[in-house]
Amino acid sequence: METLVHEGGFLALLPRSKGAHPEMSNSLPAQATPTESELDTRSREQLLNEIEYLRAELAYLKKLDALLQTKRQAASKKKRK
């Protein structure tokens, strides 16, 4: 306890709020949306590749979500017993 006072002063002894810090959010950083001129310059093949990538990413995230849900359900079933 003495080290807390030495390092942070009296304020280090005050109770802290629990949970995540407000500056820490779960959201991803905002991605820059392409402007109209950038969209016009991309080729059809580039757009199709981007669509394929985004579909794969979405499928991966859905499978990950399903896996996490099954793990949560299994954990809650263990708690009930």
PDB file of N, CA and C in Angstrom:
ATOM      1  N   MET A   1       0.826  -1.180   0.000  1.00  0.00           N
ATOM      2  CA  MET A   1       0.000   0.000   0.000  1.00  0.00           C
ATOM      3  C   MET A   1       0.871   1.244   0.000  1.00  0.00           C
ATOM      4  N   GLU A   2       2.000   1.191   0.674  1.00  0.00           N
ATOM      5  CA  GLU A   2       2.883   2.349   0.698  1.00  0.00           C
ATOM      6  C   GLU A   2       3.414   2.673  -0.692  1.00  0.00           C
ATOM      7  N   THR A   3       3.659   1.640  -1.504  1.00  0.00           N
ATOM      8  CA  THR A   3       4.187   1.900  -2.841  1.00  0.00           C
ATOM      9  C   THR A   3       3.171   2.628  -3.699  1.00  0.00           C
ATOM     10  N   LEU A   4       1.884   2.333  -3.518  1.00  0.00           N
ATOM     11  CA  LEU A   4       0.857   3.048  -4.271  1.00  0.00           C
ATOM     12  C   LEU A   4       0.881   4.528  -3.948  1.00  0.00           C
ATOM     13  N   VAL A   5       1.033   4.854  -2.675  1.00  0.00           N
ATOM     14  CA  VAL A   5       1.070   6.253  -2.257  1.00  0.00           C
ATOM     15  C   VAL A   5       2.307   6.931  -2.816  1.00  0.00           C
ATOM     16  N   HIS A   6       3.437   6.227  -2.789  1.00  0.00           N
ATOM     17  CA  HIS A   6       4.673   6.816  -3.291  1.00  0.00           C
ATOM     18  C   HIS A   6       4.611   7.037  -4.801  1.00  0.00           C
ATOM     19  N   GLU A   7       4.025   6.094  -5.526  1.00  0.00           N
ATOM     20  CA  GLU A   7       3.984   6.209  -6.983  1.00  0.00           C
ATOM     21  C   GLU A   7       2.903   7.150  -7.475  1.00  0.00           C
ATOM     22  N   GLY A   8       1.702   7.052  -6.891  1.00  0.00           N
ATOM     23  CA  GLY A   8       0.586   7.827  -7.429  1.00  0.00           C
ATOM     24  C   GLY A   8       0.009   8.849  -6.484  1.00  0.00           C
ATOM     25  N   GLY A   9       0.559   8.955  -5.309  1.00  0.00           N
ATOM     26  CA  GLY A   9       0.027   9.907  -4.354  1.00  0.00           C
ATOM     27  C   GLY A   9      -1.263   9.398  -3.727  1.00  0.00           C
ATOM     28  N   PHE A  10      -1.969  10.296  -3.070  1.00  0.00           N
ATOM     29  CA  PHE A  10      -3.187   9.936  -2.370  1.00  0.00           C
ATOM     30  C   PHE A  10      -4.259   9.418  -3.330  1.00  0.00           C
ATOM     31  N   LEU A  11      -4.299   9.941  -4.545  1.00  0.00           N
ATOM     32  CA  LEU A  11      -5.321   9.534  -5.518  1.00  0.00           C
ATOM     33  C   LEU A  11      -5.203   8.063  -5.902  1.00  0.00           C
ATOM     34  N   ALA A  12      -4.028   7.476  -5.738  1.00  0.00           N
ATOM     35  CA  ALA A  12      -3.844   6.067  -6.081  1.00  0.00           C
ATOM     36  C   ALA A  12      -4.610   5.145  -5.137  1.00  0.00           C
ATOM     37  N   LEU A  13      -4.980   5.652  -3.963  1.00  0.00           N
ATOM     38  CA  LEU A  13      -5.693   4.835  -2.994  1.00  0.00           C
ATOM     39  C   LEU A  13      -7.204   4.897  -3.163  1.00  0.00           C
ATOM     40  N   LEU A  14      -7.701   5.832  -3.952  1.00  0.00           N
ATOM     41  CA  LEU A  14      -9.143   5.955  -4.143  1.00  0.00           C
ATOM     42  C   LEU A  14      -9.671   4.772  -4.949  1.00  0.00           C
ATOM     43  N   PRO A  15     -10.929   4.361  -4.698  1.00  0.00           N
ATOM     44  CA  PRO A  15     -11.485   3.238  -5.460  1.00  0.00           C
ATOM     45  C   PRO A  15     -11.652   3.604  -6.927  1.00  0.00           C
ATOM     46  N   ARG A  16     -11.429   2.632  -7.766  1.00  0.00           N
ATOM     47  CA  ARG A  16     -11.544   2.845  -9.203  1.00  0.00           C
ATOM     48  C   ARG A  16     -12.830   2.201  -9.699  1.00  0.00           C
ATOM     49  N   SER A  17     -13.362   2.748 -10.780  1.00  0.00           N
ATOM     50  CA  SER A  17     -14.548   2.140 -11.368  1.00  0.00           C
ATOM     51  C   SER A  17     -14.150   0.861 -12.081  1.00  0.00           C
ATOM     52  N   LYS A  18     -15.045  -0.094 -12.106  1.00  0.00           N
ATOM     53  CA  LYS A  18     -14.762  -1.369 -12.753  1.00  0.00           C
ATOM     54  C   LYS A  18     -15.234  -1.325 -14.190  1.00  0.00           C
ATOM     55  N   GLY A  19     -14.710  -2.204 -14.995  1.00  0.00           N
ATOM     56  CA  GLY A  19     -15.112  -2.285 -16.394  1.00  0.00           C
ATOM     57  C   GLY A  19     -14.074  -1.684 -17.308  1.00  0.00           C
ATOM     58  N   ALA A  20     -14.421  -1.628 -18.572  1.00  0.00           N
ATOM     59  CA  ALA A  20     -13.498  -1.123 -19.584  1.00  0.00           C
ATOM     60  C   ALA A  20     -13.376   0.385 -19.480  1.00  0.00           C
ATOM     61  N   HIS A  21     -12.230   0.867 -19.840  1.00  0.00           N
ATOM     62  CA  HIS A  21     -12.023   2.308 -19.864  1.00  0.00           C
ATOM     63  C   HIS A  21     -12.852   2.917 -20.977  1.00  0.00           C
ATOM     64  N   PRO A  22     -13.370   4.128 -20.783  1.00  0.00           N
ATOM     65  CA  PRO A  22     -14.216   4.727 -21.823  1.00  0.00           C
ATOM     66  C   PRO A  22     -13.499   4.922 -23.151  1.00  0.00           C
ATOM     67  N   GLU A  23     -12.203   5.150 -23.118  1.00  0.00           N
ATOM     68  CA  GLU A  23     -11.486   5.367 -24.371  1.00  0.00           C
ATOM     69  C   GLU A  23     -11.262   4.065 -25.131  1.00  0.00           C
ATOM     70  N   MET A  24     -11.495   2.933 -24.469  1.00  0.00           N
ATOM     71  CA  MET A  24     -11.332   1.646 -25.126  1.00  0.00           C
ATOM     72  C   MET A  24     -12.700   1.167 -25.598  1.00  0.00           C
ATOM     73  N   SER A  25     -12.888   1.144 -26.881  1.00  0.00           N
ATOM     74  CA  SER A  25     -14.169   0.680 -27.397  1.00  0.00           C
ATOM     75  C   SER A  25     -13.971  -0.622 -28.158  1.00  0.00           C
ATOM     76  N   ASN A  26     -15.057  -1.343 -28.351  1.00  0.00           N
ATOM     77  CA  ASN A  26     -14.996  -2.607 -29.070  1.00  0.00           C
ATOM     78  C   ASN A  26     -15.120  -2.426 -30.567  1.00  0.00           C
ATOM     79  N   SER A  27     -15.434  -1.234 -30.990  1.00  0.00           N
ATOM     80  CA  SER A  27     -15.635  -1.022 -32.419  1.00  0.00           C
ATOM     81  C   SER A  27     -14.299  -0.946 -33.152  1.00  0.00           C
ATOM     82  N   LEU A  28     -14.329  -1.339 -34.374  1.00  0.00           N
ATOM     83  CA  LEU A  28     -13.143  -1.293 -35.209  1.00  0.00           C
ATOM     84  C   LEU A  28     -12.935   0.135 -35.707  1.00  0.00           C
ATOM     85  N   PRO A  29     -11.717   0.496 -36.027  1.00  0.00           N
ATOM     86  CA  PRO A  29     -11.502   1.841 -36.556  1.00  0.00           C
ATOM     87  C   PRO A  29     -12.257   2.027 -37.867  1.00  0.00           C
ATOM     88  N   ALA A  30     -12.740   3.232 -38.049  1.00  0.00           N
ATOM     89  CA  ALA A  30     -13.515   3.521 -39.254  1.00  0.00           C
ATOM     90  C   ALA A  30     -12.620   3.419 -40.486  1.00  0.00           C
ATOM     91  N   GLN A  31     -13.117   2.702 -41.478  1.00  0.00           N
ATOM     92  CA  GLN A  31     -12.359   2.578 -42.710  1.00  0.00           C
ATOM     93  C   GLN A  31     -12.771   3.702 -43.636  1.00  0.00           C
ATOM     94  N   ALA A  32     -11.817   4.221 -44.344  1.00  0.00           N
ATOM     95  CA  ALA A  32     -12.112   5.298 -45.273  1.00  0.00           C
ATOM     96  C   ALA A  32     -12.933   4.751 -46.432  1.00  0.00           C
ATOM     97  N   THR A  33     -14.050   5.395 -46.698  1.00  0.00           N
ATOM     98  CA  THR A  33     -14.867   4.952 -47.822  1.00  0.00           C
ATOM     99  C   THR A  33     -14.311   5.575 -49.092  1.00  0.00           C
ATOM    100  N   PRO A  34     -14.232   4.796 -50.134  1.00  0.00           N
ATOM    101  CA  PRO A  34     -13.668   5.333 -51.375  1.00  0.00           C
ATOM    102  C   PRO A  34     -14.588   6.400 -51.980  1.00  0.00           C
ATOM    103  N   THR A  35     -13.983   7.383 -52.558  1.00  0.00           N
ATOM    104  CA  THR A  35     -14.750   8.437 -53.198  1.00  0.00           C
ATOM    105  C   THR A  35     -15.272   7.940 -54.537  1.00  0.00           C
ATOM    106  N   GLU A  36     -16.166   8.702 -55.134  1.00  0.00           N
ATOM    107  CA  GLU A  36     -16.756   8.293 -56.417  1.00  0.00           C
ATOM    108  C   GLU A  36     -15.693   8.116 -57.488  1.00  0.00           C
ATOM    109  N   SER A  37     -14.713   9.015 -57.512  1.00  0.00           N
ATOM    110  CA  SER A  37     -13.676   8.918 -58.541  1.00  0.00           C
ATOM    111  C   SER A  37     -12.835   7.655 -58.358  1.00  0.00           C
ATOM    112  N   GLU A  38     -12.588   7.252 -57.095  1.00  0.00           N
ATOM    113  CA  GLU A  38     -11.845   6.028 -56.856  1.00  0.00           C
ATOM    114  C   GLU A  38     -12.646   4.805 -57.282  1.00  0.00           C
ATOM    115  N   LEU A  39     -13.957   4.848 -57.082  1.00  0.00           N
ATOM    116  CA  LEU A  39     -14.794   3.732 -57.497  1.00  0.00           C
ATOM    117  C   LEU A  39     -14.817   3.596 -59.010  1.00  0.00           C
ATOM    118  N   ASP A  40     -14.807   4.705 -59.696  1.00  0.00           N
ATOM    119  CA  ASP A  40     -14.855   4.677 -61.147  1.00  0.00           C
ATOM    120  C   ASP A  40     -13.568   4.126 -61.752  1.00  0.00           C
ATOM    121  N   THR A  41     -12.436   4.310 -61.076  1.00  0.00           N
ATOM    122  CA  THR A  41     -11.165   3.896 -61.650  1.00  0.00           C
ATOM    123  C   THR A  41     -10.865   2.413 -61.416  1.00  0.00           C
ATOM    124  N   ARG A  42     -11.576   1.777 -60.484  1.00  0.00           N
ATOM    125  CA  ARG A  42     -11.306   0.359 -60.239  1.00  0.00           C
ATOM    126  C   ARG A  42     -11.921  -0.488 -61.346  1.00  0.00           C
ATOM    127  N   SER A  43     -11.201  -1.491 -61.711  1.00  0.00           N
ATOM    128  CA  SER A  43     -11.672  -2.360 -62.788  1.00  0.00           C
ATOM    129  C   SER A  43     -12.730  -3.329 -62.255  1.00  0.00           C
ATOM    130  N   ARG A  44     -13.420  -3.946 -63.173  1.00  0.00           N
ATOM    131  CA  ARG A  44     -14.443  -4.922 -62.810  1.00  0.00           C
ATOM    132  C   ARG A  44     -13.813  -6.073 -62.048  1.00  0.00           C
ATOM    133  N   GLU A  45     -12.637  -6.502 -62.473  1.00  0.00           N
ATOM    134  CA  GLU A  45     -11.950  -7.612 -61.809  1.00  0.00           C
ATOM    135  C   GLU A  45     -11.586  -7.249 -60.372  1.00  0.00           C
ATOM    136  N   GLN A  46     -11.123  -6.024 -60.146  1.00  0.00           N
ATOM    137  CA  GLN A  46     -10.790  -5.590 -58.793  1.00  0.00           C
ATOM    138  C   GLN A  46     -12.036  -5.592 -57.913  1.00  0.00           C
ATOM    139  N   LEU A  47     -13.158  -5.127 -58.455  1.00  0.00           N
ATOM    140  CA  LEU A  47     -14.393  -5.102 -57.682  1.00  0.00           C
ATOM    141  C   LEU A  47     -14.875  -6.511 -57.364  1.00  0.00           C
ATOM    142  N   LEU A  48     -14.761  -7.420 -58.320  1.00  0.00           N
ATOM    143  CA  LEU A  48     -15.156  -8.805 -58.072  1.00  0.00           C
ATOM    144  C   LEU A  48     -14.253  -9.457 -57.022  1.00  0.00           C
ATOM    145  N   ASN A  49     -12.962  -9.142 -57.058  1.00  0.00           N
ATOM    146  CA  ASN A  49     -12.041  -9.668 -56.048  1.00  0.00           C
ATOM    147  C   ASN A  49     -12.394  -9.146 -54.667  1.00  0.00           C
ATOM    148  N   GLU A  50     -12.762  -7.873 -54.603  1.00  0.00           N
ATOM    149  CA  GLU A  50     -13.139  -7.291 -53.315  1.00  0.00           C
ATOM    150  C   GLU A  50     -14.420  -7.938 -52.793  1.00  0.00           C
ATOM    151  N   ILE A  51     -15.379  -8.176 -53.670  1.00  0.00           N
ATOM    152  CA  ILE A  51     -16.620  -8.830 -53.261  1.00  0.00           C
ATOM    153  C   ILE A  51     -16.330 -10.236 -52.741  1.00  0.00           C
ATOM    154  N   GLU A  52     -15.476 -10.961 -53.441  1.00  0.00           N
ATOM    155  CA  GLU A  52     -15.107 -12.316 -53.015  1.00  0.00           C
ATOM    156  C   GLU A  52     -14.439 -12.292 -51.643  1.00  0.00           C
ATOM    157  N   TYR A  53     -13.541 -11.347 -51.434  1.00  0.00           N
ATOM    158  CA  TYR A  53     -12.852 -11.210 -50.156  1.00  0.00           C
ATOM    159  C   TYR A  53     -13.847 -10.891 -49.038  1.00  0.00           C
ATOM    160  N   LEU A  54     -14.747  -9.952 -49.300  1.00  0.00           N
ATOM    161  CA  LEU A  54     -15.710  -9.557 -48.278  1.00  0.00           C
ATOM    162  C   LEU A  54     -16.675 -10.692 -47.947  1.00  0.00           C
ATOM    163  N   ARG A  55     -17.056 -11.472 -48.931  1.00  0.00           N
ATOM    164  CA  ARG A  55     -17.924 -12.622 -48.674  1.00  0.00           C
ATOM    165  C   ARG A  55     -17.204 -13.665 -47.830  1.00  0.00           C
ATOM    166  N   ALA A  56     -15.942 -13.901 -48.123  1.00  0.00           N
ATOM    167  CA  ALA A  56     -15.162 -14.857 -47.334  1.00  0.00           C
ATOM    168  C   ALA A  56     -15.003 -14.360 -45.897  1.00  0.00           C
ATOM    169  N   GLU A  57     -14.752 -13.079 -45.750  1.00  0.00           N
ATOM    170  CA  GLU A  57     -14.609 -12.505 -44.415  1.00  0.00           C
ATOM    171  C   GLU A  57     -15.916 -12.640 -43.633  1.00  0.00           C
ATOM    172  N   LEU A  58     -17.032 -12.373 -44.264  1.00  0.00           N
ATOM    173  CA  LEU A  58     -18.328 -12.493 -43.618  1.00  0.00           C
ATOM    174  C   LEU A  58     -18.608 -13.940 -43.212  1.00  0.00           C
ATOM    175  N   ALA A  59     -18.306 -14.880 -44.080  1.00  0.00           N
ATOM    176  CA  ALA A  59     -18.510 -16.292 -43.766  1.00  0.00           C
ATOM    177  C   ALA A  59     -17.643 -16.706 -42.580  1.00  0.00           C
ATOM    178  N   TYR A  60     -16.402 -16.238 -42.543  1.00  0.00           N
ATOM    179  CA  TYR A  60     -15.505 -16.545 -41.435  1.00  0.00           C
ATOM    180  C   TYR A  60     -16.063 -15.997 -40.127  1.00  0.00           C
ATOM    181  N   LEU A  61     -16.523 -14.759 -40.155  1.00  0.00           N
ATOM    182  CA  LEU A  61     -17.043 -14.133 -38.935  1.00  0.00           C
ATOM    183  C   LEU A  61     -18.314 -14.835 -38.452  1.00  0.00           C
ATOM    184  N   LYS A  62     -19.148 -15.268 -39.373  1.00  0.00           N
ATOM    185  CA  LYS A  62     -20.359 -15.998 -38.985  1.00  0.00           C
ATOM    186  C   LYS A  62     -20.006 -17.329 -38.330  1.00  0.00           C
ATOM    187  N   LYS A  63     -19.024 -18.037 -38.888  1.00  0.00           N
ATOM    188  CA  LYS A  63     -18.612 -19.310 -38.311  1.00  0.00           C
ATOM    189  C   LYS A  63     -17.965 -19.102 -36.942  1.00  0.00           C
ATOM    190  N   LEU A  64     -17.191 -18.055 -36.804  1.00  0.00           N
ATOM    191  CA  LEU A  64     -16.569 -17.747 -35.519  1.00  0.00           C
ATOM    192  C   LEU A  64     -17.637 -17.439 -34.474  1.00  0.00           C
ATOM    193  N   ASP A  65     -18.646 -16.668 -34.867  1.00  0.00           N
ATOM    194  CA  ASP A  65     -19.733 -16.334 -33.958  1.00  0.00           C
ATOM    195  C   ASP A  65     -20.486 -17.593 -33.537  1.00  0.00           C
ATOM    196  N   ALA A  66     -20.758 -18.482 -34.479  1.00  0.00           N
ATOM    197  CA  ALA A  66     -21.455 -19.730 -34.165  1.00  0.00           C
ATOM    198  C   ALA A  66     -20.626 -20.584 -33.213  1.00  0.00           C
ATOM    199  N   LEU A  67     -19.325 -20.635 -33.411  1.00  0.00           N
ATOM    200  CA  LEU A  67     -18.444 -21.401 -32.533  1.00  0.00           C
ATOM    201  C   LEU A  67     -18.465 -20.830 -31.118  1.00  0.00           C
ATOM    202  N   LEU A  68     -18.395 -19.517 -31.009  1.00  0.00           N
ATOM    203  CA  LEU A  68     -18.414 -18.885 -29.690  1.00  0.00           C
ATOM    204  C   LEU A  68     -19.747 -19.123 -28.987  1.00  0.00           C
ATOM    205  N   GLN A  69     -20.840 -19.096 -29.737  1.00  0.00           N
ATOM    206  CA  GLN A  69     -22.152 -19.353 -29.129  1.00  0.00           C
ATOM    207  C   GLN A  69     -22.248 -20.781 -28.606  1.00  0.00           C
ATOM    208  N   THR A  70     -21.733 -21.736 -29.360  1.00  0.00           N
ATOM    209  CA  THR A  70     -21.784 -23.127 -28.889  1.00  0.00           C
ATOM    210  C   THR A  70     -20.917 -23.319 -27.651  1.00  0.00           C
ATOM    211  N   LYS A  71     -19.787 -22.628 -27.595  1.00  0.00           N
ATOM    212  CA  LYS A  71     -18.937 -22.712 -26.404  1.00  0.00           C
ATOM    213  C   LYS A  71     -19.645 -22.111 -25.195  1.00  0.00           C
ATOM    214  N   ARG A  72     -20.337 -20.985 -25.390  1.00  0.00           N
ATOM    215  CA  ARG A  72     -21.078 -20.363 -24.290  1.00  0.00           C
ATOM    216  C   ARG A  72     -22.198 -21.278 -23.815  1.00  0.00           C
ATOM    217  N   GLN A  73     -22.899 -21.903 -24.754  1.00  0.00           N
ATOM    218  CA  GLN A  73     -23.989 -22.803 -24.373  1.00  0.00           C
ATOM    219  C   GLN A  73     -23.454 -24.004 -23.610  1.00  0.00           C
ATOM    220  N   ALA A  74     -22.329 -24.524 -24.045  1.00  0.00           N
ATOM    221  CA  ALA A  74     -21.732 -25.675 -23.356  1.00  0.00           C
ATOM    222  C   ALA A  74     -21.288 -25.276 -21.952  1.00  0.00           C
ATOM    223  N   ALA A  75     -20.756 -24.070 -21.820  1.00  0.00           N
ATOM    224  CA  ALA A  75     -20.314 -23.599 -20.515  1.00  0.00           C
ATOM    225  C   ALA A  75     -21.510 -23.386 -19.591  1.00  0.00           C
ATOM    226  N   SER A  76     -22.620 -22.869 -20.112  1.00  0.00           N
ATOM    227  CA  SER A  76     -23.784 -22.636 -19.271  1.00  0.00           C
ATOM    228  C   SER A  76     -24.428 -23.967 -18.865  1.00  0.00           C
ATOM    229  N   LYS A  77     -24.352 -24.989 -19.720  1.00  0.00           N
ATOM    230  CA  LYS A  77     -24.882 -26.300 -19.377  1.00  0.00           C
ATOM    231  C   LYS A  77     -24.054 -26.928 -18.254  1.00  0.00           C
ATOM    232  N   LYS A  78     -22.750 -26.713 -18.275  1.00  0.00           N
ATOM    233  CA  LYS A  78     -21.893 -27.248 -17.217  1.00  0.00           C
ATOM    234  C   LYS A  78     -22.198 -26.589 -15.882  1.00  0.00           C
ATOM    235  N   LYS A  79     -22.506 -25.293 -15.915  1.00  0.00           N
ATOM    236  CA  LYS A  79     -22.811 -24.572 -14.682  1.00  0.00           C
ATOM    237  C   LYS A  79     -24.120 -25.072 -14.067  1.00  0.00           C
ATOM    238  N   ARG A  80     -25.082 -25.460 -14.892  1.00  0.00           N
ATOM    239  CA  ARG A  80     -26.379 -25.901 -14.396  1.00  0.00           C
ATOM    240  C   ARG A  80     -26.266 -27.216 -13.635  1.00  0.00           C
ATOM    241  N   LYS A  81     -25.350 -28.070 -14.021  1.00  0.00           N
ATOM    242  CA  LYS A  81     -25.221 -29.395 -13.395  1.00  0.00           C
ATOM    243  C   LYS A  81     -24.645 -29.338 -12.027  1.00  0.00           C
TER     244      LYS A  81
END
